[in-house]
Amino acid sequence: MSEERHPARLTTRMGRAIRDEITGLILDRGLQPGDPLPTETELVEALGVSRNSIREALKALQALDIVEIRHGHGTYVGRLSLDPLADGLTFRVLHGLGNDLRSMDEILEVREALEAALIHRVASAVPEQDLAALDEVTRRMSARAKAGETFADEDREFHELLYRSLDNALVTQLLRAFWDVYHRVNHRLGVTDPDPVETVKRHRAIVNALRKRDVTRAEKAMAEHFRNLDVRMAQLSRRRLG
C-alpha cells in the first residue's frame, strides 16, 4: 500500500529525514555544545522544506538535548546529555509499577552491574585526592543522617567521585541517569531510607576498602551497598501490597 494513502506515515518519515539533515549538518561542521546553528531561514533554504517542518524537527531534537532553542536568540547545539534517557526510564518504571516491580528491579540490576565493573577497575588505583574527597562526602552524609536529614545530593556526589579517575564523561552521565531514575521514583512514591546511618556505614566501607587497595573487599562492599538498596525495594513492595 502506497505511502500517499498514509499521510501520517509519510510525515513521520519526512520529519525523521529533516532531523537527520540537521544532525548531519552539526556533524559535518564540527559544531560543539553551545555553538549556534544556522538560522531558521537558512535551514529552510538549505534543506528545501517548509519553515514549519524545520520548527517541528528542531523541537524533536530539543527533546533529545541535541539542540537548544533560545527564544529570541536562536538555536544552538544542546548539551548532548542523557537527561532524555533518564526521563524516559523514569516514566517506564512508573508505568510498570502499575503491574509489578520488575522495571525498578531492572534499573537496579543494570546500575549494579555497571558499578561492579567500575569498582573493579578503580579499586587498586584511586588517587589520594579522590579518597580525601570521598571521606569529606561521607562525613557530610553522616552529619545529615545523625540530624535526621536526607543526603541525596551527597549520595550522587559520592558515586560520581568513585570513578572520577577514569576520566570518562559517559560513565558519569550513565551513573547520573540511573541514579536520577531511582531517586525520582522513590521521591514520587514517598519511599525513604529506613536506616540512613546504616547507609552511611555501607558507603564508608567502600572507601575503607579503596584506601587499602583491596579489590575483592571493595567489590564486596559495593555488593552489600546494593543489598541495602534492596531494603527500599521491599518497602515499596509492602506499600503496594498494602
Protein backbone atom coordinates (compact mmCIF):
# COMPACT_ATOMS: atom_id res chain seq x y z
CA MET A 1 0.00 0.00 0.00
CA SER A 2 1.50 3.35 -1.03
CA GLU A 3 2.57 5.97 1.49
CA GLU A 4 0.37 8.52 -0.30
CA ARG A 5 -2.59 6.71 1.31
CA HIS A 6 -0.94 7.05 4.73
CA PRO A 7 -0.06 10.75 5.14
CA ALA A 8 0.85 10.32 8.82
CA ARG A 9 3.46 7.70 7.91
CA LEU A 10 4.86 9.91 5.17
CA THR A 11 5.01 12.90 7.52
CA THR A 12 6.88 10.80 10.08
CA ARG A 13 9.46 9.71 7.52
CA MET A 14 9.91 13.27 6.28
CA GLY A 15 10.33 14.54 9.83
CA ARG A 16 12.99 11.92 10.51
CA ALA A 17 14.78 12.83 7.28
CA ILE A 18 14.83 16.52 8.23
CA ARG A 19 16.17 15.70 11.69
CA ASP A 20 18.88 13.59 10.07
CA GLU A 21 19.80 16.50 7.80
CA ILE A 22 20.13 18.85 10.76
CA THR A 23 22.20 16.45 12.83
CA GLY A 24 24.32 15.75 9.74
CA LEU A 25 24.93 19.47 9.41
CA ILE A 26 26.08 19.63 13.04
CA LEU A 27 28.49 16.75 12.48
CA ASP A 28 29.78 17.99 9.13
CA ARG A 29 30.54 21.43 10.54
CA GLY A 30 32.05 20.07 13.73
CA LEU A 31 29.74 22.15 15.90
CA GLN A 32 30.14 21.77 19.66
CA PRO A 33 27.64 22.20 22.53
CA GLY A 34 26.72 25.87 22.74
CA ASP A 35 27.65 26.65 19.13
CA PRO A 36 24.94 28.41 17.11
CA LEU A 37 23.10 26.61 14.32
CA PRO A 38 22.14 28.30 11.05
CA THR A 39 19.06 30.46 11.36
CA GLU A 40 15.63 29.07 10.67
CA THR A 41 15.57 30.88 7.32
CA GLU A 42 18.96 29.47 6.38
CA LEU A 43 17.81 25.94 7.25
CA VAL A 44 14.67 26.37 5.14
CA GLU A 45 16.77 27.42 2.15
CA ALA A 46 19.46 24.78 2.69
CA LEU A 47 17.07 21.84 3.13
CA GLY A 48 14.32 22.99 0.80
CA VAL A 49 11.49 22.34 3.25
CA SER A 50 8.87 24.48 4.94
CA ARG A 51 9.51 26.65 7.98
CA ASN A 52 7.00 24.62 9.97
CA SER A 53 8.85 21.38 9.12
CA ILE A 54 12.10 22.92 10.37
CA ARG A 55 10.45 24.02 13.59
CA GLU A 56 8.98 20.60 14.24
CA ALA A 57 12.32 18.93 13.60
CA LEU A 58 14.11 21.34 15.94
CA LYS A 59 11.54 20.73 18.69
CA ALA A 60 12.08 16.98 18.36
CA LEU A 61 15.87 17.42 18.55
CA GLN A 62 15.49 19.70 21.55
CA ALA A 63 13.63 16.93 23.37
CA LEU A 64 16.74 14.78 22.84
CA ASP A 65 19.04 17.58 24.09
CA ILE A 66 20.74 17.66 20.69
CA VAL A 67 19.75 21.28 20.12
CA GLU A 68 18.70 24.09 22.43
CA ILE A 69 16.14 26.64 21.28
CA ARG A 70 16.66 30.01 22.93
CA HIS A 71 13.61 32.05 22.06
CA GLY A 72 14.59 35.44 20.73
CA HIS A 73 18.23 34.40 20.38
CA GLY A 74 18.37 31.43 18.01
CA THR A 75 19.11 27.73 18.11
CA TYR A 76 22.30 26.19 19.47
CA VAL A 77 23.84 22.77 19.80
CA GLY A 78 22.50 21.26 23.03
CA ARG A 79 24.36 19.74 25.95
CA LEU A 80 24.10 16.24 24.42
CA SER A 81 23.29 14.88 27.87
CA LEU A 82 21.48 11.70 28.86
CA ASP A 83 18.64 13.62 30.52
CA PRO A 84 16.15 12.35 27.91
CA LEU A 85 17.21 8.79 28.76
CA ALA A 86 16.55 9.41 32.46
CA ASP A 87 13.17 10.95 31.67
CA GLY A 88 12.15 8.01 29.51
CA LEU A 89 13.35 5.41 32.02
CA THR A 90 11.59 7.19 34.88
CA PHE A 91 8.29 7.07 33.02
CA ARG A 92 8.90 3.44 32.05
CA VAL A 93 9.44 2.46 35.67
CA LEU A 94 6.45 4.43 36.98
CA HIS A 95 4.26 2.98 34.25
CA GLY A 96 5.45 -0.53 35.01
CA LEU A 97 4.76 -0.16 38.72
CA GLY A 98 1.08 -0.44 37.88
CA ASN A 99 1.71 -4.15 37.32
CA ASP A 100 4.81 -5.20 39.25
CA LEU A 101 8.24 -4.02 40.42
CA ARG A 102 10.19 -5.63 37.59
CA SER A 103 11.01 -2.33 35.88
CA MET A 104 12.56 -0.96 39.06
CA ASP A 105 14.47 -4.21 39.61
CA GLU A 106 15.87 -3.91 36.09
CA ILE A 107 17.16 -0.39 36.75
CA LEU A 108 18.95 -1.55 39.90
CA GLU A 109 20.35 -4.63 38.15
CA VAL A 110 21.86 -2.56 35.34
CA ARG A 111 23.25 0.02 37.74
CA GLU A 112 24.73 -2.67 39.99
CA ALA A 113 26.35 -4.44 37.03
CA LEU A 114 27.86 -1.15 35.86
CA GLU A 115 29.22 -0.17 39.26
CA ALA A 116 30.54 -3.67 39.97
CA ALA A 117 32.64 -3.49 36.82
CA LEU A 118 33.76 0.07 37.51
CA ILE A 119 34.75 -0.50 41.14
CA HIS A 120 36.91 -3.41 39.97
CA ARG A 121 38.74 -1.07 37.60
CA VAL A 122 39.44 1.72 40.09
CA ALA A 123 39.82 -0.16 43.38
CA SER A 124 43.59 -0.59 43.22
CA ALA A 125 44.43 2.88 41.95
CA VAL A 126 42.06 5.54 43.33
CA PRO A 127 44.07 8.80 43.68
CA GLU A 128 44.61 10.11 47.20
CA GLN A 129 42.78 13.33 46.36
CA ASP A 130 39.70 11.33 45.38
CA LEU A 131 39.89 9.32 48.60
CA ALA A 132 40.05 12.58 50.55
CA ALA A 133 37.02 13.88 48.63
CA LEU A 134 35.13 10.65 49.35
CA ASP A 135 35.97 10.99 53.05
CA GLU A 136 34.57 14.51 53.07
CA VAL A 137 31.35 13.49 51.33
CA THR A 138 30.93 10.58 53.73
CA ARG A 139 31.36 12.92 56.71
CA ARG A 140 28.64 15.19 55.35
CA MET A 141 26.37 12.19 54.82
CA SER A 142 26.96 11.07 58.39
CA ALA A 143 26.22 14.53 59.80
CA ARG A 144 22.94 14.69 57.89
CA ALA A 145 21.96 11.17 58.92
CA LYS A 146 22.56 11.95 62.61
CA ALA A 147 20.47 15.10 62.23
CA GLY A 148 17.62 13.08 60.74
CA GLU A 149 18.11 14.64 57.30
CA THR A 150 18.34 13.07 53.86
CA PHE A 151 21.53 13.23 51.82
CA ALA A 152 20.55 12.51 48.23
CA ASP A 153 22.92 15.12 46.77
CA GLU A 154 25.85 13.76 48.74
CA ASP A 155 24.97 10.22 47.66
CA ARG A 156 25.12 11.14 43.99
CA GLU A 157 28.37 13.05 44.52
CA PHE A 158 29.85 10.01 46.25
CA HIS A 159 29.17 7.66 43.36
CA GLU A 160 30.48 10.12 40.79
CA LEU A 161 33.68 10.68 42.79
CA LEU A 162 34.30 6.94 42.94
CA TYR A 163 35.03 6.80 39.22
CA ARG A 164 36.34 10.30 38.59
CA SER A 165 39.84 8.96 37.96
CA LEU A 166 38.57 7.09 34.88
CA ASP A 167 38.02 10.47 33.20
CA ASN A 168 35.06 9.04 31.31
CA ALA A 169 32.24 11.53 30.79
CA LEU A 170 29.86 8.83 29.54
CA VAL A 171 30.30 6.81 32.73
CA THR A 172 29.41 9.87 34.78
CA GLN A 173 26.33 10.60 32.69
CA LEU A 174 25.13 6.99 32.77
CA LEU A 175 25.52 6.78 36.54
CA ARG A 176 23.72 10.09 36.92
CA ALA A 177 20.88 8.90 34.68
CA PHE A 178 20.35 5.67 36.64
CA TRP A 179 20.70 7.49 39.96
CA ASP A 180 18.16 10.11 38.87
CA VAL A 181 15.63 7.47 37.81
CA TYR A 182 15.91 5.61 41.11
CA HIS A 183 15.57 8.69 43.27
CA ARG A 184 12.83 10.30 41.20
CA VAL A 185 10.73 7.17 41.51
CA ASN A 186 11.39 6.89 45.25
CA HIS A 187 10.53 10.55 45.75
CA ARG A 188 7.33 10.29 43.75
CA LEU A 189 6.21 7.21 45.69
CA GLY A 190 7.35 8.52 49.07
CA VAL A 191 9.90 5.77 49.62
CA THR A 192 12.56 6.76 52.17
CA ASP A 193 15.75 5.25 53.50
CA PRO A 194 14.71 3.15 56.53
CA ASP A 195 18.19 3.32 58.08
CA PRO A 196 20.31 6.32 56.95
CA VAL A 197 23.04 5.56 59.49
CA GLU A 198 23.46 2.06 58.04
CA THR A 199 23.55 3.53 54.53
CA VAL A 200 26.41 5.81 55.56
CA LYS A 201 28.21 2.80 57.05
CA ARG A 202 27.93 0.95 53.72
CA HIS A 203 29.44 3.93 51.89
CA ARG A 204 32.25 4.21 54.41
CA ALA A 205 33.05 0.51 53.95
CA ILE A 206 33.59 1.15 50.24
CA VAL A 207 36.02 3.99 50.98
CA ASN A 208 37.93 1.90 53.55
CA ALA A 209 38.37 -0.90 51.00
CA LEU A 210 39.61 1.56 48.39
CA ARG A 211 42.10 3.03 50.85
CA LYS A 212 43.56 -0.45 51.39
CA ARG A 213 43.64 -1.00 47.60
CA ASP A 214 41.72 -4.20 48.27
CA VAL A 215 39.84 -5.05 45.08
CA THR A 216 37.95 -8.03 46.50
CA ARG A 217 36.89 -6.12 49.58
CA ALA A 218 35.79 -3.15 47.50
CA GLU A 219 33.66 -5.38 45.26
CA LYS A 220 32.08 -6.98 48.33
CA ALA A 221 31.38 -3.60 49.92
CA MET A 222 29.70 -2.39 46.73
CA ALA A 223 27.55 -5.55 46.57
CA GLU A 224 26.50 -5.03 50.20
CA HIS A 225 25.60 -1.44 49.37
CA PHE A 226 23.20 -2.63 46.71
CA ARG A 227 21.69 -5.18 49.10
CA ASN A 228 20.92 -2.17 51.29
CA LEU A 229 19.00 -0.70 48.36
CA ASP A 230 17.00 -3.90 48.20
CA VAL A 231 15.57 -2.97 51.60
CA ARG A 232 13.92 0.04 50.00
CA MET A 233 12.54 -2.16 47.26
CA ALA A 234 10.99 -4.35 49.93
CA GLN A 235 9.49 -1.23 51.50
CA LEU A 236 8.00 -0.27 48.15
CA SER A 237 6.65 -3.78 47.66
CA ARG A 238 4.93 -3.76 51.05
CA ARG A 239 3.44 -0.36 50.31
CA ARG A 240 1.97 -1.58 47.03
CA LEU A 241 0.50 -4.69 48.65
CA GLY A 242 -0.92 -2.59 51.49
